[in-house]
Amino acid sequence: MTKNNRTGQSPEDARKFVEALARGLEVLSCFHPSDRYLGNQEISKRTRLPKSTVSRLTYTLAELGYLGYSKTNNKYCLGNAVIGFVYAKLAQMDIRRVSRPLMQALAEHTQASVNLGIRDQLNMIYIDTYRNTSTFTVQLDVGSQISIATTSMGRAYLCALPEDKRAELLDQIRASDEQNWPFIKEGVDKAIIDFQNFGYCTSLGNWRTEVHAVAVPLVLDDGTIMVFSCSGASFQLTKDLIENDIGPRLINLVGNVRTALSFARV
């Protein structure tokens, strides 16, 4: 079952959708930064595709260079062809070049991790991150994925969405985790109020009990939503520090990035 949400599509648009391509891309997307190798059985479990289908897909992807195959482990890893796509996409993002010195400066000031992320299905994925050598707890790298549902970055993304798109995404989140939905909904509702009042969203132990984080979204001219966050140990990023220092600094960082991007396009 593919992750693509086609609810509400017209019959004409539905006919344009290539199921085999979607399944192949789903196989590639099920690899996480911590996964060196995955076998067909593990991929089948993550994608909820039949193992016979997965076997054909992994063989094809390996033949094209998008997966590598280890005979020793009888498992697959991401292939070099994937790197080419990722590098090309990241290289096209002016926002990374513009924001780097600002992110680094905030990381040095806060002694925490400063991150830039975009949405990937029901997760946010880091496309850039800076942290000081003394940063505690949060040690995520580029490519790491975190949940939209309980993180400050995910909540900031939700707050930046138009109401109809937000409701649609929340329906998907609810369907994926009915058991924890009341807790998730409570956090999202509070995040919306906080964003309206303060311009940022927080996650104070909601994603991981030992982690506090604050995030601010940036909507680009083409409608793409990027999110900047600052995260660290709960004893390091206290609620008072976030409210009185880090939150306002992060808002300022996003404002400076927005201004710099407008000049970069001139």
Protein backbone atom coordinates (compact mmCIF):
# COMPACT_ATOMS: atom_id res chain seq x y z
CA MET A 1 0.00 0.00 0.00
CA THR A 2 1.66 3.21 -1.15
CA LYS A 3 1.93 6.23 1.09
CA ASN A 4 0.68 8.58 -1.59
CA ASN A 5 -2.62 10.17 -0.56
CA ARG A 6 -4.89 10.31 -3.61
CA THR A 7 -8.14 11.08 -1.80
CA GLY A 8 -10.26 13.47 -3.82
CA GLN A 9 -8.44 12.95 -7.10
CA SER A 10 -10.48 13.04 -10.27
CA PRO A 11 -10.66 9.79 -12.28
CA GLU A 12 -8.51 11.44 -14.95
CA ASP A 13 -5.78 12.33 -12.45
CA ALA A 14 -6.00 8.86 -10.89
CA ARG A 15 -5.31 7.29 -14.29
CA LYS A 16 -2.12 9.33 -14.56
CA PHE A 17 -0.75 7.86 -11.34
CA VAL A 18 1.87 5.15 -11.99
CA GLU A 19 1.52 2.63 -9.16
CA ALA A 20 4.73 0.74 -10.00
CA LEU A 21 6.79 3.92 -9.89
CA ALA A 22 5.22 4.91 -6.58
CA ARG A 23 6.06 1.53 -5.09
CA GLY A 24 9.67 1.76 -6.24
CA LEU A 25 10.04 5.18 -4.67
CA GLU A 26 8.44 3.89 -1.48
CA VAL A 27 11.10 1.18 -1.29
CA LEU A 28 13.82 3.84 -1.50
CA SER A 29 12.13 6.07 1.08
CA CYS A 30 11.89 3.31 3.68
CA PHE A 31 15.67 3.50 4.27
CA HIS A 32 16.44 5.58 7.37
CA PRO A 33 19.79 7.23 8.21
CA SER A 34 20.46 4.47 10.76
CA ASP A 35 19.87 1.71 8.20
CA ARG A 36 23.03 0.44 6.53
CA TYR A 37 21.32 -2.60 5.02
CA LEU A 38 17.73 -3.82 4.71
CA GLY A 39 16.51 -7.21 3.50
CA ASN A 40 13.43 -7.80 1.39
CA GLN A 41 11.50 -8.99 4.43
CA GLU A 42 12.27 -5.80 6.36
CA ILE A 43 11.37 -3.65 3.36
CA SER A 44 8.14 -5.59 2.90
CA LYS A 45 7.21 -4.97 6.53
CA ARG A 46 7.92 -1.23 6.31
CA THR A 47 6.16 -0.67 3.00
CA ARG A 48 3.38 -3.21 3.60
CA LEU A 49 3.99 -4.55 0.12
CA PRO A 50 4.06 -8.29 -0.65
CA LYS A 51 7.54 -9.77 -0.42
CA SER A 52 7.32 -11.02 -4.01
CA THR A 53 6.63 -7.46 -5.18
CA VAL A 54 9.47 -6.11 -3.05
CA SER A 55 11.87 -8.68 -4.52
CA ARG A 56 11.13 -7.50 -8.05
CA LEU A 57 11.41 -3.86 -7.08
CA THR A 58 14.72 -4.22 -5.22
CA TYR A 59 16.21 -6.24 -8.10
CA THR A 60 15.20 -3.54 -10.60
CA LEU A 61 16.44 -0.70 -8.41
CA ALA A 62 19.76 -2.49 -7.89
CA GLU A 63 20.15 -3.01 -11.65
CA LEU A 64 19.67 0.75 -12.14
CA GLY A 65 22.11 1.70 -9.38
CA TYR A 66 19.57 3.10 -6.93
CA LEU A 67 20.23 0.21 -4.56
CA GLY A 68 23.40 -1.68 -3.80
CA TYR A 69 23.37 -5.39 -3.00
CA SER A 70 25.55 -7.20 -0.46
CA LYS A 71 25.92 -10.89 -1.25
CA THR A 72 27.41 -11.44 2.21
CA ASN A 73 24.39 -10.01 4.01
CA ASN A 74 21.84 -10.83 1.31
CA LYS A 75 20.53 -7.32 1.86
CA TYR A 76 20.33 -3.98 0.09
CA CYS A 77 21.66 -0.50 0.76
CA LEU A 78 21.04 2.82 -0.97
CA GLY A 79 23.05 3.08 -4.18
CA ASN A 80 25.20 5.87 -5.54
CA ALA A 81 22.56 6.95 -8.05
CA VAL A 82 20.44 8.21 -5.15
CA ILE A 83 23.25 10.51 -4.02
CA GLY A 84 23.19 12.27 -7.37
CA PHE A 85 19.53 13.20 -6.96
CA VAL A 86 19.96 14.35 -3.37
CA TYR A 87 23.05 16.42 -4.11
CA ALA A 88 21.40 18.10 -7.11
CA LYS A 89 18.35 19.02 -5.02
CA LEU A 90 20.34 20.37 -2.09
CA ALA A 91 22.64 22.34 -4.40
CA GLN A 92 19.61 24.12 -5.86
CA MET A 93 18.44 25.35 -2.47
CA ASP A 94 19.55 28.95 -2.01
CA ILE A 95 18.09 28.82 1.48
CA ARG A 96 20.87 26.51 2.70
CA ARG A 97 23.63 28.82 1.46
CA VAL A 98 21.91 31.92 2.85
CA SER A 99 21.03 30.47 6.23
CA ARG A 100 24.29 28.67 7.07
CA PRO A 101 26.14 31.54 8.80
CA LEU A 102 23.00 32.52 10.70
CA MET A 103 22.37 28.95 11.85
CA GLN A 104 25.98 28.54 12.90
CA ALA A 105 25.91 31.78 14.90
CA LEU A 106 22.75 30.74 16.74
CA ALA A 107 24.21 27.29 17.45
CA GLU A 108 27.26 28.92 19.01
CA HIS A 109 25.11 31.26 21.08
CA THR A 110 22.73 28.61 22.37
CA GLN A 111 25.25 25.73 22.61
CA ALA A 112 22.45 23.69 21.03
CA SER A 113 21.51 22.26 17.64
CA VAL A 114 20.04 24.54 14.96
CA ASN A 115 18.28 22.74 12.15
CA LEU A 116 16.53 23.28 8.82
CA GLY A 117 13.86 20.82 7.71
CA ILE A 118 11.19 20.06 5.15
CA ARG A 119 8.25 17.68 5.15
CA ASP A 120 8.56 14.05 4.02
CA GLN A 121 5.23 12.21 4.31
CA LEU A 122 4.38 12.21 8.05
CA ASN A 123 7.88 13.26 9.06
CA MET A 124 10.16 16.25 8.86
CA ILE A 125 13.56 15.59 7.34
CA TYR A 126 16.72 17.55 8.17
CA ILE A 127 18.37 19.14 5.14
CA ASP A 128 20.88 21.10 7.21
CA THR A 129 21.99 21.17 10.84
CA TYR A 130 24.62 22.90 12.95
CA ARG A 131 25.60 22.15 16.50
CA ASN A 132 28.30 23.24 18.92
CA THR A 133 30.79 20.67 20.18
CA SER A 134 29.20 20.94 23.61
CA THR A 135 25.67 20.23 22.34
CA PHE A 136 23.90 17.66 24.51
CA THR A 137 21.31 15.01 23.71
CA VAL A 138 20.30 15.85 20.11
CA GLN A 139 22.85 14.52 17.62
CA LEU A 140 20.82 14.20 14.41
CA ASP A 141 22.45 14.66 11.00
CA VAL A 142 21.29 15.70 7.55
CA GLY A 143 18.77 13.13 6.33
CA SER A 144 17.43 12.35 9.79
CA GLN A 145 13.64 12.14 10.08
CA ILE A 146 11.51 13.22 13.01
CA SER A 147 7.76 12.98 13.53
CA ILE A 148 5.52 15.84 12.49
CA ALA A 149 3.07 14.93 15.25
CA THR A 150 5.08 15.70 18.38
CA THR A 151 8.07 17.85 17.40
CA SER A 152 8.37 21.62 17.34
CA MET A 153 9.48 21.46 13.70
CA GLY A 154 6.44 19.42 12.72
CA ARG A 155 4.07 21.64 14.66
CA ALA A 156 5.54 24.76 13.03
CA TYR A 157 4.99 23.15 9.64
CA LEU A 158 1.36 22.47 10.51
CA CYS A 159 0.86 26.06 11.65
CA ALA A 160 2.16 27.39 8.32
CA LEU A 161 -0.26 25.27 6.28
CA PRO A 162 -3.58 26.64 4.99
CA GLU A 163 -6.40 25.37 7.19
CA ASP A 164 -7.75 22.87 4.65
CA LYS A 165 -4.31 21.35 4.04
CA ARG A 166 -3.65 21.23 7.77
CA ALA A 167 -6.90 19.37 8.39
CA GLU A 168 -6.04 16.90 5.64
CA LEU A 169 -2.59 16.21 7.09
CA LEU A 170 -3.97 15.89 10.62
CA ASP A 171 -6.43 13.28 9.35
CA GLN A 172 -3.48 11.27 8.02
CA ILE A 173 -1.61 11.63 11.33
CA ARG A 174 -4.68 10.54 13.28
CA ALA A 175 -5.17 7.48 11.05
CA SER A 176 -1.53 6.50 11.57
CA ASP A 177 -1.68 6.73 15.38
CA GLU A 178 -5.23 6.52 16.75
CA GLN A 179 -4.03 5.50 20.21
CA ASN A 180 -1.99 8.65 20.81
CA TRP A 181 -4.24 11.00 18.86
CA PRO A 182 -5.73 12.86 21.91
CA PHE A 183 -2.20 13.68 23.12
CA ILE A 184 -1.10 14.69 19.61
CA LYS A 185 -4.19 16.86 19.04
CA GLU A 186 -3.71 18.63 22.37
CA GLY A 187 -0.11 19.50 21.44
CA VAL A 188 -1.05 20.73 17.97
CA ASP A 189 -3.89 22.89 19.31
CA LYS A 190 -1.53 24.52 21.81
CA ALA A 191 1.09 25.01 19.08
CA ILE A 192 -1.40 26.89 16.92
CA ILE A 193 -2.23 29.23 19.80
CA ASP A 194 1.46 29.72 20.63
CA PHE A 195 2.28 30.47 17.00
CA GLN A 196 -0.48 33.06 16.81
CA ASN A 197 0.67 34.71 20.05
CA PHE A 198 4.45 34.40 19.85
CA GLY A 199 5.44 33.44 16.30
CA TYR A 200 7.03 30.11 17.23
CA CYS A 201 6.10 26.58 18.32
CA THR A 202 7.65 24.47 21.05
CA SER A 203 7.98 20.83 22.01
CA LEU A 204 8.94 20.51 25.65
CA GLY A 205 9.57 16.83 26.20
CA ASN A 206 6.76 15.75 23.85
CA TRP A 207 8.97 14.05 21.25
CA ARG A 208 11.61 12.80 23.67
CA THR A 209 11.29 13.55 27.36
CA GLU A 210 14.86 14.83 27.64
CA VAL A 211 14.60 17.18 24.64
CA HIS A 212 13.24 20.72 24.40
CA ALA A 213 12.91 22.50 21.07
CA VAL A 214 11.49 25.59 19.41
CA ALA A 215 10.72 26.11 15.72
CA VAL A 216 9.67 28.80 13.24
CA PRO A 217 8.37 28.19 9.69
CA LEU A 218 9.31 30.05 6.51
CA VAL A 219 6.96 29.94 3.52
CA LEU A 220 8.83 30.44 0.24
CA ASP A 221 7.42 32.23 -2.80
CA ASP A 222 6.47 28.94 -4.44
CA GLY A 223 4.52 27.85 -1.35
CA THR A 224 7.19 25.45 -0.06
CA ILE A 225 7.32 25.44 3.73
CA MET A 226 10.76 25.23 5.34
CA VAL A 227 11.17 25.11 9.11
CA PHE A 228 14.05 26.25 11.32
CA SER A 229 14.39 24.80 14.80
CA CYS A 230 16.68 24.94 17.80
CA SER A 231 16.83 21.82 19.96
CA GLY A 232 18.77 20.60 22.94
CA ALA A 233 18.63 18.98 26.36
CA SER A 234 15.73 20.04 28.56
CA PHE A 235 18.09 21.36 31.26
CA GLN A 236 19.90 23.35 28.58
CA LEU A 237 16.92 24.86 26.73
CA THR A 238 14.58 25.75 29.55
CA LYS A 239 11.09 27.11 28.94
CA ASP A 240 12.12 30.55 30.20
CA LEU A 241 15.21 30.62 27.98
CA ILE A 242 13.15 29.67 24.94
CA GLU A 243 10.54 32.34 25.64
CA ASN A 244 12.94 35.16 26.53
CA ASP A 245 15.90 34.49 24.26
CA ILE A 246 15.99 31.59 21.81
CA GLY A 247 12.45 31.92 20.43
CA PRO A 248 12.85 35.63 19.54
CA ARG A 249 16.32 34.97 18.10
CA LEU A 250 14.95 32.18 15.90
CA ILE A 251 12.18 34.47 14.64
CA ASN A 252 14.84 37.06 13.81
CA LEU A 253 16.91 34.42 12.01
CA VAL A 254 13.96 33.46 9.81
CA GLY A 255 13.28 37.13 9.05
CA ASN A 256 16.89 37.65 8.02
CA VAL A 257 16.80 34.56 5.79
CA ARG A 258 13.59 35.79 4.15
CA THR A 259 15.22 39.16 3.42
CA ALA A 260 18.43 37.60 2.12
CA LEU A 261 16.48 35.28 -0.18
CA SER A 262 14.62 38.25 -1.69
CA PHE A 263 17.95 39.88 -2.58
CA ALA A 264 19.36 36.59 -3.89
CA ARG A 265 16.56 36.38 -6.46
CA VAL A 266 17.09 39.93 -7.76
